[in-house]
N, C-alpha and C. Protein backbone atom coordinates (compact mmCIF):
# COMPACT_ATOMS: atom_id res chain seq x y z
N MET A 1 -34.11 28.50 -72.71
CA MET A 1 -33.06 28.34 -73.67
C MET A 1 -31.92 29.33 -73.32
N SER A 2 -30.79 28.83 -72.91
CA SER A 2 -29.60 29.70 -72.55
C SER A 2 -28.83 29.99 -73.66
N VAL A 3 -28.30 31.19 -73.74
CA VAL A 3 -27.32 31.68 -74.81
C VAL A 3 -26.21 32.31 -74.13
N PRO A 4 -25.05 32.41 -74.81
CA PRO A 4 -23.89 33.10 -74.29
C PRO A 4 -24.23 34.66 -74.09
N LEU A 5 -23.75 35.28 -73.06
CA LEU A 5 -24.03 36.63 -72.77
C LEU A 5 -23.50 37.52 -73.91
N SER A 6 -22.45 37.04 -74.59
CA SER A 6 -21.82 37.83 -75.70
C SER A 6 -22.77 37.92 -76.94
N ASP A 7 -23.79 36.95 -76.93
CA ASP A 7 -24.74 37.00 -78.10
C ASP A 7 -25.84 38.04 -77.97
N LEU A 8 -26.03 38.60 -76.79
CA LEU A 8 -27.02 39.64 -76.62
C LEU A 8 -26.66 40.88 -77.36
N LYS A 9 -27.66 41.64 -77.84
CA LYS A 9 -27.43 42.91 -78.47
C LYS A 9 -27.63 44.04 -77.51
N VAL A 10 -27.15 45.18 -77.95
CA VAL A 10 -27.28 46.45 -77.09
C VAL A 10 -28.73 46.66 -76.77
N GLY A 11 -28.99 46.89 -75.48
CA GLY A 11 -30.41 47.16 -75.02
C GLY A 11 -31.15 45.92 -74.53
N GLU A 12 -30.61 44.72 -74.83
CA GLU A 12 -31.25 43.44 -74.47
C GLU A 12 -30.78 43.10 -72.99
N THR A 13 -31.64 42.40 -72.31
CA THR A 13 -31.39 41.99 -70.93
C THR A 13 -31.42 40.45 -70.92
N GLY A 14 -30.78 39.87 -69.91
CA GLY A 14 -30.81 38.43 -69.64
C GLY A 14 -30.63 38.09 -68.17
N VAL A 15 -31.03 36.90 -67.74
CA VAL A 15 -30.93 36.51 -66.45
C VAL A 15 -29.85 35.43 -66.39
N ILE A 16 -28.89 35.61 -65.61
CA ILE A 16 -27.70 34.70 -65.48
C ILE A 16 -28.14 33.34 -65.09
N ALA A 17 -27.86 32.33 -65.91
CA ALA A 17 -28.22 30.97 -65.68
C ALA A 17 -27.05 30.18 -65.18
N LYS A 18 -25.79 30.41 -65.73
CA LYS A 18 -24.68 29.54 -65.49
C LYS A 18 -23.36 30.29 -65.91
N MET A 19 -22.34 30.08 -65.01
CA MET A 19 -21.02 30.69 -65.40
C MET A 19 -20.00 29.52 -65.57
N ASN A 20 -19.32 29.37 -66.70
CA ASN A 20 -18.34 28.38 -66.96
C ASN A 20 -16.98 28.80 -66.60
N PHE A 21 -16.77 29.21 -65.40
CA PHE A 21 -15.45 29.69 -64.84
C PHE A 21 -15.14 28.87 -63.59
N LYS A 22 -13.84 28.67 -63.37
CA LYS A 22 -13.41 27.97 -62.18
C LYS A 22 -12.39 28.80 -61.40
N GLY A 23 -12.23 28.56 -60.19
CA GLY A 23 -11.06 29.12 -59.32
C GLY A 23 -11.20 30.60 -59.14
N ALA A 24 -10.16 31.28 -59.29
CA ALA A 24 -9.99 32.73 -58.99
C ALA A 24 -10.79 33.56 -59.85
N ALA A 25 -10.89 33.24 -61.11
CA ALA A 25 -11.81 34.00 -62.07
C ALA A 25 -13.19 33.90 -61.67
N ARG A 26 -13.66 32.75 -61.24
CA ARG A 26 -15.11 32.61 -60.88
C ARG A 26 -15.31 33.50 -59.59
N GLN A 27 -14.41 33.38 -58.63
CA GLN A 27 -14.65 34.25 -57.37
C GLN A 27 -14.64 35.68 -57.70
N ARG A 28 -13.79 36.12 -58.65
CA ARG A 28 -13.74 37.57 -59.00
C ARG A 28 -15.05 38.02 -59.60
N LEU A 29 -15.60 37.16 -60.48
CA LEU A 29 -16.90 37.58 -61.17
C LEU A 29 -17.99 37.54 -60.12
N LEU A 30 -18.03 36.56 -59.28
CA LEU A 30 -19.09 36.48 -58.17
C LEU A 30 -19.02 37.70 -57.26
N ALA A 31 -17.81 38.07 -56.96
CA ALA A 31 -17.67 39.36 -56.10
C ALA A 31 -18.12 40.57 -56.77
N MET A 32 -18.19 40.61 -58.09
CA MET A 32 -18.63 41.75 -58.90
C MET A 32 -20.14 41.64 -59.10
N GLY A 33 -20.82 40.66 -58.58
CA GLY A 33 -22.25 40.64 -58.66
C GLY A 33 -22.77 39.78 -59.80
N LEU A 34 -21.98 38.99 -60.46
CA LEU A 34 -22.38 38.03 -61.49
C LEU A 34 -22.84 36.72 -60.85
N VAL A 35 -24.02 36.79 -60.24
CA VAL A 35 -24.57 35.54 -59.63
C VAL A 35 -25.77 34.99 -60.33
N LYS A 36 -26.02 33.75 -60.20
CA LYS A 36 -27.15 33.07 -60.78
C LYS A 36 -28.47 33.76 -60.43
N GLY A 37 -29.29 34.15 -61.43
CA GLY A 37 -30.60 34.76 -61.15
C GLY A 37 -30.54 36.28 -61.26
N GLU A 38 -29.39 36.82 -61.42
CA GLU A 38 -29.26 38.33 -61.48
C GLU A 38 -29.52 38.75 -62.94
N THR A 39 -30.21 39.91 -63.08
CA THR A 39 -30.47 40.41 -64.36
C THR A 39 -29.32 41.30 -64.95
N ILE A 40 -28.96 41.20 -66.12
CA ILE A 40 -27.80 41.96 -66.74
C ILE A 40 -28.25 42.61 -68.00
N LEU A 41 -27.89 43.83 -68.25
CA LEU A 41 -28.28 44.61 -69.44
C LEU A 41 -27.02 44.91 -70.23
N VAL A 42 -27.08 44.70 -71.52
CA VAL A 42 -26.04 45.07 -72.50
C VAL A 42 -26.22 46.61 -72.76
N LYS A 43 -25.25 47.35 -72.30
CA LYS A 43 -25.41 48.86 -72.38
C LYS A 43 -24.78 49.37 -73.68
N ARG A 44 -23.53 48.93 -73.97
CA ARG A 44 -22.79 49.34 -75.25
C ARG A 44 -21.69 48.38 -75.54
N VAL A 45 -21.26 48.46 -76.89
CA VAL A 45 -20.26 47.58 -77.38
C VAL A 45 -19.18 48.54 -77.93
N ALA A 46 -17.92 48.27 -77.63
CA ALA A 46 -16.78 49.10 -78.24
C ALA A 46 -16.84 49.00 -79.66
N PRO A 47 -16.29 50.03 -80.36
CA PRO A 47 -16.30 50.07 -81.84
C PRO A 47 -15.77 48.76 -82.48
N LEU A 48 -14.82 48.13 -81.96
CA LEU A 48 -14.30 46.89 -82.53
C LEU A 48 -14.89 45.65 -81.97
N GLY A 49 -15.88 45.77 -81.14
CA GLY A 49 -16.66 44.68 -80.59
C GLY A 49 -16.10 44.08 -79.28
N ASP A 50 -15.05 44.70 -78.76
CA ASP A 50 -14.48 44.19 -77.58
C ASP A 50 -13.79 45.33 -76.80
N PRO A 51 -14.19 45.65 -75.63
CA PRO A 51 -14.98 44.91 -74.59
C PRO A 51 -16.42 45.30 -74.82
N ILE A 52 -17.23 44.68 -74.01
CA ILE A 52 -18.69 44.92 -73.96
C ILE A 52 -19.03 45.48 -72.56
N ASP A 53 -19.84 46.57 -72.50
CA ASP A 53 -20.19 47.24 -71.36
C ASP A 53 -21.59 46.74 -70.86
N PHE A 54 -21.76 46.21 -69.62
CA PHE A 54 -23.01 45.73 -69.06
C PHE A 54 -23.38 46.55 -67.85
N VAL A 55 -24.69 46.49 -67.51
CA VAL A 55 -25.17 47.07 -66.28
C VAL A 55 -25.75 46.02 -65.43
N ILE A 56 -25.17 45.83 -64.21
CA ILE A 56 -25.65 44.78 -63.33
C ILE A 56 -25.69 45.39 -61.99
N LYS A 57 -26.75 45.22 -61.25
CA LYS A 57 -26.92 45.72 -59.86
C LYS A 57 -26.70 47.29 -59.80
N GLY A 58 -26.95 47.95 -60.92
CA GLY A 58 -26.92 49.41 -60.99
C GLY A 58 -25.53 49.96 -61.25
N TYR A 59 -24.57 49.18 -61.59
CA TYR A 59 -23.21 49.74 -61.95
C TYR A 59 -22.75 49.09 -63.34
N HIS A 60 -21.86 49.77 -63.93
CA HIS A 60 -21.29 49.35 -65.25
C HIS A 60 -20.13 48.37 -65.01
N LEU A 61 -20.12 47.34 -65.82
CA LEU A 61 -19.13 46.32 -65.80
C LEU A 61 -18.69 46.03 -67.23
N SER A 62 -17.39 46.15 -67.50
CA SER A 62 -16.90 45.77 -68.85
C SER A 62 -16.25 44.50 -68.86
N LEU A 63 -16.62 43.64 -69.77
CA LEU A 63 -16.03 42.27 -69.93
C LEU A 63 -15.53 42.13 -71.41
N ARG A 64 -14.43 41.30 -71.45
CA ARG A 64 -14.05 40.91 -72.82
C ARG A 64 -15.05 40.02 -73.43
N LYS A 65 -15.09 39.93 -74.71
CA LYS A 65 -16.07 39.13 -75.39
C LYS A 65 -15.84 37.63 -75.06
N THR A 66 -14.61 37.24 -74.91
CA THR A 66 -14.29 35.74 -74.55
C THR A 66 -14.84 35.53 -73.17
N GLU A 67 -14.76 36.42 -72.23
CA GLU A 67 -15.30 36.23 -70.84
C GLU A 67 -16.81 36.18 -70.91
N ALA A 68 -17.45 37.07 -71.60
CA ALA A 68 -18.88 37.12 -71.76
C ALA A 68 -19.42 35.85 -72.43
N SER A 69 -18.66 35.25 -73.24
CA SER A 69 -19.13 34.04 -73.96
C SER A 69 -19.23 32.81 -73.01
N GLU A 70 -18.60 32.95 -71.86
CA GLU A 70 -18.53 31.81 -70.89
C GLU A 70 -19.64 31.95 -69.80
N ILE A 71 -20.46 33.00 -69.94
CA ILE A 71 -21.63 33.24 -69.12
C ILE A 71 -22.91 32.97 -69.88
N LEU A 72 -23.70 32.07 -69.42
CA LEU A 72 -24.97 31.69 -70.06
C LEU A 72 -26.08 32.43 -69.46
N VAL A 73 -26.93 33.03 -70.23
CA VAL A 73 -28.13 33.84 -69.71
C VAL A 73 -29.40 33.35 -70.39
N GLU A 74 -30.53 33.57 -69.75
CA GLU A 74 -31.89 33.34 -70.32
C GLU A 74 -32.30 34.65 -70.85
N PRO A 75 -32.41 34.93 -72.15
CA PRO A 75 -32.76 36.24 -72.68
C PRO A 75 -34.16 36.65 -72.22
N GLN A 76 -34.33 38.01 -71.91
CA GLN A 76 -35.63 38.53 -71.51
C GLN A 76 -36.13 39.36 -72.58
N GLY A 77 -37.39 39.34 -72.87
CA GLY A 77 -38.05 40.06 -74.01
C GLY A 77 -37.60 41.53 -74.04
């Protein structure tokens, strides 16, 4: 069952299942390591809820909540 990446809570992990981006935005995210099958961890959320800090492939990546909602993940226990 896939859920938007933005729905995960701090400390939860998910495996990327699908990205709903096209063109340059998709290429930029792929270049940053957001590829299908990769595990991503929600590290922290800004005080007002935007942006969200993730850890993927050992580095921190901050995405806006609207961007994170376009990435579907399979939640991991």
